[in-house]
Amino acid sequence: MTIDVLVIGGGPAGLAAALEAKKQGVQEVMIMERDVELGGILQQCIHDGFGLHRFGKRLSGCEYAERFIQQVKAHHIHVKLKTTVIDILKDKTVFAMNAEEGMLKLQCGTIILAMGCRERTRSQVFIWGTRPSGVLTAGTVQRYINIEGYLPGKKAVILGSGDIGLIMARRMTLEGISVEGVYEIMKSPGGLKRNISQCLIDYDIPMHLSTTVVHIHGNNKLEGVTVAAVDDKRQPIEGTRRYIPCDLLVLAVGLIPENELSAKMGIEIDPKTKGPVVDESFMTSVEGVFAAGNVVTVYDLVDDVSITGEIAGRGAAKYLQGKLNQDTHYQMIHSTNLINLVVPQRFRKNNLENHLTVYMRVREEMKKVYIHGTMNDRVCLHKKLNIVSPPEMVVSNIKKEDISDKGDITMAIERG
């Protein structure tokens, strides 16, 4: 089987990428999704707040996904559900399998990686104790309650202040589960301010910063946890341990881009983003293979995920049509110490249409700052922001006319 553009993953990035590639004139576009339906994680997000930028409305995750799914159907894009990709070769040969067709081999003109991200588990945050039932990630609890219709516990403790954990604090409260509190090992919350306000403060759920779970109690079923305050090195402080009886520990301790396939085929991975190094078209270090959404880096807004999908979709179409310039050398995008990561990491000016979109995360919360982009000691971006914080992606557009033909861009933040 031959496919022009194969999109691996049917979440918001994959849906947007497939649609954009089709709109750009690509004939054979296919989405390959291992789940039973398109939409990805959005299908279990019944809360609103999605689509404010793109559609100007407060949609649930399901409604946001459905708008894209209907467009996929209208554009007659091929979809293979319940299909798992098991290997990708550098010549863009893809091996996949499903229960109905068995092993599949596809030769692709180009590939867009949109596998999303996964949650960190208990073993990755080193919590001591036995392995009783009742220790679940926030996404799993969300699926149990919103899709399966199960209540996984009666009294919950939440470890980590990621957005899914904050949202589930509210959701569990509404379903009658008593949420004892949210415990965050860092000095500042990991979720968006609006979620802290709407999900914790509005429901009188306390958040304990610089505090973590140090021990899990129980054999067959979780009976309780021990929490403790931590010092600047995130080590438990003696004399601060406290036992909390509970039958549910919800882990909201961060997300990791899903890049086993990417690494297996030799794509260069950025140690800061944990995702592929990409250029202005979101093409990876393997020619003709693109990446989009949370597989590149974890975004906080689904609107940004969809935008990166569209960028990758346009890039894939241009690659097939021979319109993507690959003759000139890459110019790089660097960042200073106050910026934790930057995407894309490199670019070719000839491939830019009107501007270069740069996504950044800062290391700490700062108020009244200026974002600077410089090239060859010349300013190409100057932008003022009232506040920046690690949970919120900073997005800036650098006009093509302000970018030099040679030299790298250095992104920096200056306190006002």
Protein backbone atom coordinates (compact mmCIF):
# COMPACT_ATOMS: atom_id res chain seq x y z
CA MET A 1 0.00 0.00 0.00
CA THR A 2 1.28 3.46 -0.94
CA ILE A 3 0.25 6.59 0.97
CA ASP A 4 1.32 10.19 0.24
CA VAL A 5 1.00 11.43 3.84
CA LEU A 6 0.67 9.06 6.78
CA VAL A 7 -0.29 10.69 10.08
CA ILE A 8 0.48 8.52 13.09
CA GLY A 9 -1.94 9.49 15.87
CA GLY A 10 -5.53 10.71 15.69
CA GLY A 11 -5.49 13.31 18.44
CA PRO A 12 -5.77 17.09 17.92
CA ALA A 13 -2.32 17.38 16.28
CA GLY A 14 -2.90 14.45 13.94
CA LEU A 15 -6.39 15.59 12.94
CA ALA A 16 -5.19 19.13 12.16
CA ALA A 17 -2.14 17.83 10.25
CA ALA A 18 -4.17 15.46 8.08
CA LEU A 19 -6.76 18.12 7.28
CA GLU A 20 -4.14 20.72 6.36
CA ALA A 21 -2.24 18.29 4.12
CA LYS A 22 -5.48 17.44 2.33
CA LYS A 23 -6.38 21.12 1.93
CA GLN A 24 -2.95 21.73 0.41
CA GLY A 25 -3.77 19.32 -2.40
CA VAL A 26 -2.33 16.00 -1.20
CA GLN A 27 -4.40 13.15 -2.62
CA GLU A 28 -3.76 10.14 -0.38
CA VAL A 29 -3.80 11.11 3.31
CA MET A 30 -4.24 8.52 6.05
CA ILE A 31 -4.59 8.76 9.83
CA MET A 32 -3.46 5.70 11.77
CA GLU A 33 -4.79 5.52 15.34
CA ARG A 34 -4.37 2.73 17.88
CA ASP A 35 -7.53 3.61 19.85
CA VAL A 36 -11.11 2.73 18.90
CA GLU A 37 -11.96 6.30 17.85
CA LEU A 38 -10.35 9.55 16.75
CA GLY A 39 -9.84 12.48 19.11
CA GLY A 40 -7.14 11.19 21.42
CA ILE A 41 -7.25 12.39 25.01
CA LEU A 42 -9.89 14.98 24.09
CA GLN A 43 -12.59 12.29 24.11
CA GLN A 44 -12.36 11.97 27.89
CA CYS A 45 -12.16 15.72 28.54
CA ILE A 46 -15.79 16.62 29.24
CA HIS A 47 -14.89 19.94 30.89
CA ASP A 48 -15.06 23.14 28.84
CA GLY A 49 -12.40 25.72 28.04
CA PHE A 50 -11.28 24.29 24.70
CA GLY A 51 -11.38 26.22 21.43
CA LEU A 52 -11.47 29.76 22.83
CA HIS A 53 -8.77 30.92 20.40
CA ARG A 54 -9.70 28.83 17.37
CA PHE A 55 -13.51 28.85 17.51
CA GLY A 56 -14.23 31.72 19.91
CA LYS A 57 -16.38 29.40 22.04
CA ARG A 58 -16.01 27.44 25.26
CA LEU A 59 -16.15 23.86 24.02
CA SER A 60 -15.58 20.59 25.81
CA GLY A 61 -12.69 18.46 24.60
CA CYS A 62 -15.18 16.10 22.96
CA GLU A 63 -16.84 18.97 21.09
CA TYR A 64 -13.48 20.35 19.98
CA ALA A 65 -12.43 16.94 18.63
CA GLU A 66 -15.78 16.37 16.95
CA ARG A 67 -15.43 19.53 14.86
CA PHE A 68 -12.17 18.20 13.42
CA ILE A 69 -13.49 14.64 13.02
CA GLN A 70 -16.42 15.88 10.94
CA GLN A 71 -14.00 17.76 8.69
CA VAL A 72 -11.86 14.64 8.31
CA LYS A 73 -14.94 12.74 7.13
CA ALA A 74 -15.98 15.56 4.79
CA HIS A 75 -12.53 15.58 3.15
CA HIS A 76 -12.59 11.78 2.72
CA ILE A 77 -9.34 11.22 4.61
CA HIS A 78 -8.51 7.55 5.13
CA VAL A 79 -8.65 6.42 8.75
CA LYS A 80 -7.39 3.17 10.26
CA LEU A 81 -8.50 2.71 13.88
CA LYS A 82 -7.33 0.05 16.35
CA THR A 83 -4.06 -0.03 14.40
CA THR A 84 -0.64 0.11 16.06
CA VAL A 85 2.54 1.21 14.29
CA ILE A 86 5.40 -1.04 15.36
CA ASP A 87 8.29 0.20 13.21
CA ILE A 88 9.30 2.96 10.79
CA LEU A 89 12.31 2.77 8.48
CA LYS A 90 14.24 5.81 7.29
CA ASP A 91 13.01 5.23 3.73
CA LYS A 92 9.53 5.90 5.17
CA THR A 93 8.39 2.29 5.11
CA VAL A 94 5.91 1.75 7.94
CA PHE A 95 4.97 -1.55 9.57
CA ALA A 96 1.73 -1.69 11.53
CA MET A 97 -0.79 -4.25 12.69
CA ASN A 98 -4.42 -4.65 13.66
CA ALA A 99 -6.77 -7.52 14.48
CA GLU A 100 -8.65 -7.47 11.17
CA GLU A 101 -5.84 -7.18 8.61
CA GLY A 102 -2.89 -8.54 10.56
CA MET A 103 0.51 -7.12 9.57
CA LEU A 104 0.48 -4.06 7.29
CA LYS A 105 3.31 -2.60 5.23
CA LEU A 106 2.97 0.91 3.85
CA GLN A 107 5.32 2.92 1.65
CA CYS A 108 4.83 6.58 2.47
CA GLY A 109 5.80 9.73 0.64
CA THR A 110 6.03 11.53 3.97
CA ILE A 111 5.13 10.83 7.61
CA ILE A 112 3.78 13.08 10.36
CA LEU A 113 4.40 11.88 13.91
CA ALA A 114 1.52 12.88 16.21
CA MET A 115 1.61 10.26 18.95
CA GLY A 116 1.08 12.77 21.77
CA CYS A 117 2.44 12.22 25.26
CA ARG A 118 2.06 9.91 28.25
CA GLU A 119 1.87 10.45 31.99
CA ARG A 120 4.73 9.86 34.39
CA THR A 121 4.05 6.98 36.75
CA ARG A 122 4.80 6.20 40.37
CA SER A 123 8.07 4.44 39.52
CA GLN A 124 9.37 7.56 37.78
CA VAL A 125 8.96 9.74 40.87
CA PHE A 126 10.43 7.20 43.31
CA ILE A 127 7.70 6.74 45.92
CA TRP A 128 8.47 4.01 48.47
CA GLY A 129 5.96 1.41 49.57
CA THR A 130 4.05 -1.64 48.40
CA ARG A 131 2.03 -1.87 45.20
CA PRO A 132 -1.64 -1.77 46.27
CA SER A 133 -4.53 -0.97 43.95
CA GLY A 134 -5.66 2.64 44.16
CA VAL A 135 -2.52 4.35 42.83
CA LEU A 136 -3.53 5.80 39.46
CA THR A 137 -2.46 8.55 37.08
CA ALA A 138 -4.80 11.50 36.69
CA GLY A 139 -5.58 10.57 33.09
CA THR A 140 -6.59 7.05 34.12
CA VAL A 141 -8.91 8.41 36.82
CA GLN A 142 -10.36 10.78 34.23
CA ARG A 143 -11.09 7.89 31.89
CA TYR A 144 -12.61 5.74 34.64
CA ILE A 145 -15.02 8.48 35.69
CA ASN A 146 -15.84 10.22 32.38
CA ILE A 147 -15.92 7.25 30.00
CA GLU A 148 -16.15 3.99 31.96
CA GLY A 149 -18.49 5.32 34.65
CA TYR A 150 -16.47 4.03 37.62
CA LEU A 151 -15.59 5.79 40.87
CA PRO A 152 -12.07 4.54 41.71
CA GLY A 153 -12.16 5.63 45.36
CA LYS A 154 -13.88 7.51 48.18
CA LYS A 155 -11.05 9.63 49.61
CA ALA A 156 -8.27 10.92 47.36
CA VAL A 157 -4.86 12.54 47.67
CA ILE A 158 -3.42 14.19 44.56
CA LEU A 159 0.34 14.27 44.02
CA GLY A 160 1.45 16.95 41.59
CA SER A 161 -0.30 20.09 40.38
CA GLY A 162 -0.42 19.44 36.64
CA ASP A 163 -3.53 20.62 34.84
CA ILE A 164 -5.11 17.17 34.54
CA GLY A 165 -4.70 16.67 38.30
CA LEU A 166 -6.27 20.04 39.07
CA ILE A 167 -9.20 19.36 36.75
CA MET A 168 -9.71 15.93 38.31
CA ALA A 169 -9.71 17.46 41.80
CA ARG A 170 -12.85 19.31 40.79
CA ARG A 171 -14.29 16.37 38.87
CA MET A 172 -13.85 13.95 41.77
CA THR A 173 -15.39 16.44 44.19
CA LEU A 174 -18.44 16.80 41.97
CA GLU A 175 -18.79 13.01 41.89
CA GLY A 176 -18.69 12.74 45.69
CA ILE A 177 -15.05 11.71 46.19
CA SER A 178 -13.46 13.58 49.10
CA VAL A 179 -10.22 15.24 47.93
CA GLU A 180 -7.96 15.75 50.95
CA GLY A 181 -5.53 18.00 49.11
CA VAL A 182 -3.04 18.55 46.30
CA TYR A 183 0.65 18.06 47.14
CA GLU A 184 3.32 19.64 44.95
CA ILE A 185 7.05 19.05 45.45
CA MET A 186 8.00 22.31 43.70
CA LYS A 187 7.75 25.80 45.18
CA SER A 188 5.21 26.88 42.58
CA PRO A 189 2.19 25.16 40.98
CA GLY A 190 2.60 23.25 37.73
CA GLY A 191 -0.84 24.05 36.30
CA LEU A 192 -2.47 27.08 34.75
CA LYS A 193 -3.70 29.83 37.08
CA ARG A 194 -7.26 29.51 35.78
CA ASN A 195 -7.33 25.83 36.75
CA ILE A 196 -5.99 26.59 40.23
CA SER A 197 -8.74 29.15 40.68
CA GLN A 198 -11.62 27.23 39.11
CA CYS A 199 -10.72 23.73 40.31
CA LEU A 200 -9.14 24.23 43.74
CA ILE A 201 -10.01 27.62 45.21
CA ASP A 202 -13.65 27.47 44.10
CA TYR A 203 -14.04 24.07 45.80
CA ASP A 204 -11.96 24.77 48.93
CA ILE A 205 -9.38 22.13 48.04
CA PRO A 206 -6.02 23.00 49.63
CA MET A 207 -2.71 22.94 47.77
CA HIS A 208 0.50 22.20 49.71
CA LEU A 209 3.64 23.45 47.95
CA SER A 210 7.13 22.09 48.68
CA THR A 211 5.45 18.91 49.93
CA THR A 212 5.39 15.40 48.51
CA VAL A 213 4.26 11.83 49.13
CA VAL A 214 7.13 9.84 50.62
CA HIS A 215 5.46 6.50 51.36
CA ILE A 216 2.51 4.41 50.23
CA HIS A 217 0.72 2.18 52.76
CA GLY A 218 -1.42 -0.89 52.13
CA ASN A 219 -1.08 -4.35 50.63
CA ASN A 220 -3.98 -5.34 48.38
CA LYS A 221 -5.72 -1.96 48.58
CA LEU A 222 -4.29 1.50 49.31
CA GLU A 223 -4.87 2.44 52.94
CA GLY A 224 -3.04 5.75 53.17
CA VAL A 225 0.02 7.80 52.30
CA THR A 226 2.68 9.67 54.24
CA VAL A 227 3.47 13.20 53.10
CA ALA A 228 6.37 15.44 54.12
CA ALA A 229 7.66 18.92 53.45
CA VAL A 230 10.84 19.11 51.34
CA ASP A 231 13.89 21.38 51.40
CA ASP A 232 15.51 23.28 48.50
CA LYS A 233 17.03 20.01 47.27
CA ARG A 234 13.58 18.35 47.33
CA GLN A 235 14.56 16.08 50.19
CA PRO A 236 12.07 15.32 53.00
CA ILE A 237 12.49 17.46 56.12
CA GLU A 238 12.64 15.49 59.37
CA GLY A 239 9.75 16.07 61.71
CA THR A 240 7.29 17.08 58.96
CA ARG A 241 5.92 13.63 58.06
CA ARG A 242 2.15 13.22 58.27
CA TYR A 243 -0.02 10.16 57.61
CA ILE A 244 -3.20 10.62 55.55
CA PRO A 245 -5.76 7.79 55.32
CA CYS A 246 -7.03 7.43 51.75
CA ASP A 247 -7.98 4.78 49.20
CA LEU A 248 -6.95 6.70 46.07
CA LEU A 249 -3.63 8.37 45.18
CA VAL A 250 -3.85 10.37 41.96
CA LEU A 251 -0.56 11.10 40.20
CA ALA A 252 -0.35 14.34 38.20
CA VAL A 253 3.44 14.49 38.05
CA GLY A 254 4.05 15.52 34.48
CA LEU A 255 3.85 14.37 30.88
CA ILE A 256 6.47 12.88 28.57
CA PRO A 257 6.34 13.10 24.74
CA GLU A 258 5.74 9.63 23.25
CA ASN A 259 8.88 9.16 21.16
CA GLU A 260 9.84 5.48 21.18
CA LEU A 261 9.15 5.28 17.43
CA SER A 262 11.06 8.51 16.82
CA ALA A 263 14.16 7.33 18.68
CA LYS A 264 13.98 3.89 17.05
CA MET A 265 14.26 5.38 13.57
CA GLY A 266 17.19 7.61 14.61
CA ILE A 267 15.45 10.98 14.84
CA GLU A 268 17.46 13.54 16.82
CA ILE A 269 15.82 14.17 20.21
CA ASP A 270 16.17 17.44 22.13
CA PRO A 271 17.10 16.64 25.76
CA LYS A 272 15.16 19.71 26.95
CA THR A 273 11.86 19.07 25.18
CA LYS A 274 12.19 15.25 25.18
CA GLY A 275 10.84 15.46 21.61
CA PRO A 276 12.30 15.63 18.10
CA VAL A 277 14.43 18.55 17.01
CA VAL A 278 12.27 20.29 14.38
CA ASP A 279 12.57 23.14 11.91
CA GLU A 280 10.23 25.90 10.73
CA SER A 281 8.00 23.30 9.00
CA PHE A 282 8.26 20.92 11.98
CA MET A 283 10.34 18.51 9.91
CA THR A 284 12.60 16.32 12.02
CA SER A 285 16.24 15.39 11.40
CA VAL A 286 15.03 12.58 9.09
CA GLU A 287 14.11 14.09 5.74
CA GLY A 288 10.40 13.86 4.96
CA VAL A 289 9.40 12.93 8.51
CA PHE A 290 7.53 15.64 10.42
CA ALA A 291 6.29 15.89 14.02
CA ALA A 292 3.48 17.88 15.63
CA GLY A 293 1.79 18.55 18.95
CA ASN A 294 2.74 16.99 22.25
CA VAL A 295 5.14 14.54 20.62
CA VAL A 296 7.42 17.57 20.03
CA THR A 297 6.95 19.18 23.45
CA VAL A 298 4.06 19.28 25.89
CA TYR A 299 1.76 22.24 25.20
CA ASP A 300 -0.77 23.65 27.64
CA LEU A 301 -3.36 24.77 25.06
CA VAL A 302 -4.97 22.46 22.50
CA ASP A 303 -5.13 25.44 20.12
CA ASP A 304 -1.32 25.46 19.93
CA VAL A 305 -1.30 21.69 19.39
CA SER A 306 -3.64 22.13 16.42
CA ILE A 307 -1.54 24.97 15.02
CA THR A 308 1.63 22.85 15.07
CA GLY A 309 -0.34 20.10 13.33
CA GLU A 310 -1.27 22.52 10.56
CA ILE A 311 2.34 23.70 10.23
CA ALA A 312 3.48 20.07 9.87
CA GLY A 313 0.66 19.35 7.41
CA ARG A 314 1.67 22.27 5.19
CA GLY A 315 5.32 21.25 5.45
CA ALA A 316 4.53 17.67 4.42
CA ALA A 317 2.52 18.90 1.42
CA LYS A 318 5.32 21.21 0.31
CA TYR A 319 7.83 18.38 0.70
CA LEU A 320 5.80 16.15 -1.62
CA GLN A 321 5.29 18.98 -4.10
CA GLY A 322 9.01 19.82 -4.16
CA LYS A 323 8.39 23.29 -2.72
CA LEU A 324 10.38 22.82 0.49
CA ASN A 325 13.85 24.34 0.18
CA GLN A 326 16.53 22.01 1.54
CA ASP A 327 19.58 23.45 -0.20
CA THR A 328 20.51 26.17 2.27
CA HIS A 329 22.02 25.47 5.67
CA TYR A 330 19.94 25.67 8.83
CA GLN A 331 20.03 28.73 11.03
CA MET A 332 19.68 27.90 14.73
CA ILE A 333 17.49 29.26 17.54
CA HIS A 334 19.27 29.50 20.89
CA SER A 335 17.94 30.46 24.32
CA THR A 336 19.38 32.01 27.47
CA ASN A 337 19.26 30.62 31.02
CA LEU A 338 15.83 32.05 31.91
CA ILE A 339 14.24 30.17 29.00
CA ASN A 340 13.95 26.44 29.60
CA LEU A 341 13.18 25.32 26.04
CA VAL A 342 12.48 26.64 22.57
CA VAL A 343 10.63 25.13 19.56
CA PRO A 344 11.53 25.02 16.72
CA GLN A 345 15.24 24.65 17.30
CA ARG A 346 16.30 25.61 13.75
CA PHE A 347 14.92 27.07 10.52
CA ARG A 348 15.51 27.86 6.87
CA LYS A 349 14.44 31.40 6.07
CA ASN A 350 13.58 30.52 2.46
CA ASN A 351 10.77 28.25 3.71
CA LEU A 352 9.07 30.90 5.83
CA GLU A 353 5.86 32.42 4.52
CA ASN A 354 5.26 35.55 6.62
CA HIS A 355 6.80 34.84 10.00
CA LEU A 356 8.55 32.32 12.22
CA THR A 357 6.49 31.13 15.19
CA VAL A 358 8.62 30.39 18.26
CA TYR A 359 7.30 28.52 21.32
CA MET A 360 9.13 28.92 24.66
CA ARG A 361 8.85 27.93 28.31
CA VAL A 362 10.47 29.98 31.05
CA ARG A 363 12.20 28.57 34.14
CA GLU A 364 10.41 30.70 36.73
CA GLU A 365 7.53 33.11 37.13
CA MET A 366 8.47 36.70 36.26
CA LYS A 367 6.46 39.90 36.01
CA LYS A 368 6.86 42.80 33.56
CA VAL A 369 9.39 41.25 31.24
CA TYR A 370 10.64 41.85 27.71
CA ILE A 371 11.27 39.04 25.25
CA HIS A 372 14.15 39.76 22.90
CA GLY A 373 15.21 37.99 19.75
CA THR A 374 18.61 39.05 18.41
CA MET A 375 20.57 38.19 15.28
CA ASN A 376 24.08 39.44 14.58
CA ASP A 377 23.72 42.01 17.40
CA ARG A 378 20.50 43.27 15.83
CA VAL A 379 17.03 43.02 17.40
CA CYS A 380 14.52 40.96 15.39
CA LEU A 381 11.88 40.67 18.15
CA HIS A 382 10.97 42.94 21.05
CA LYS A 383 7.84 42.07 23.02
CA LYS A 384 6.55 43.12 26.44
CA LEU A 385 4.59 40.74 28.68
CA ASN A 386 3.06 41.48 32.08
CA ILE A 387 3.74 37.99 33.43
CA VAL A 388 5.31 34.71 32.32
CA SER A 389 5.34 31.41 34.20
CA PRO A 390 6.55 27.83 33.55
CA PRO A 391 3.07 26.28 33.06
CA GLU A 392 2.17 28.68 30.24
CA MET A 393 3.80 28.48 26.81
CA VAL A 394 5.12 31.81 25.52
CA VAL A 395 4.38 32.20 21.81
CA SER A 396 6.05 34.85 19.67
CA ASN A 397 6.04 35.54 15.94
CA ILE A 398 9.17 36.93 14.28
CA LYS A 399 8.48 38.62 10.95
CA LYS A 400 10.34 37.16 8.00
CA GLU A 401 11.51 40.63 6.98
CA ASP A 402 13.23 41.04 10.36
CA ILE A 403 15.22 37.80 10.02
CA SER A 404 18.70 38.00 8.51
CA ASP A 405 19.80 35.62 5.77
CA LYS A 406 22.75 34.47 7.86
CA GLY A 407 23.37 33.97 11.56
CA ASP A 408 21.40 32.43 14.42
CA ILE A 409 18.60 33.81 16.58
CA THR A 410 19.10 34.09 20.34
CA MET A 411 15.96 34.34 22.46
CA ALA A 412 16.30 36.07 25.83
CA ILE A 413 14.10 37.45 28.60
CA GLU A 414 14.87 40.73 30.33
CA ARG A 415 13.15 41.76 33.54
CA GLY A 416 11.38 45.08 33.27
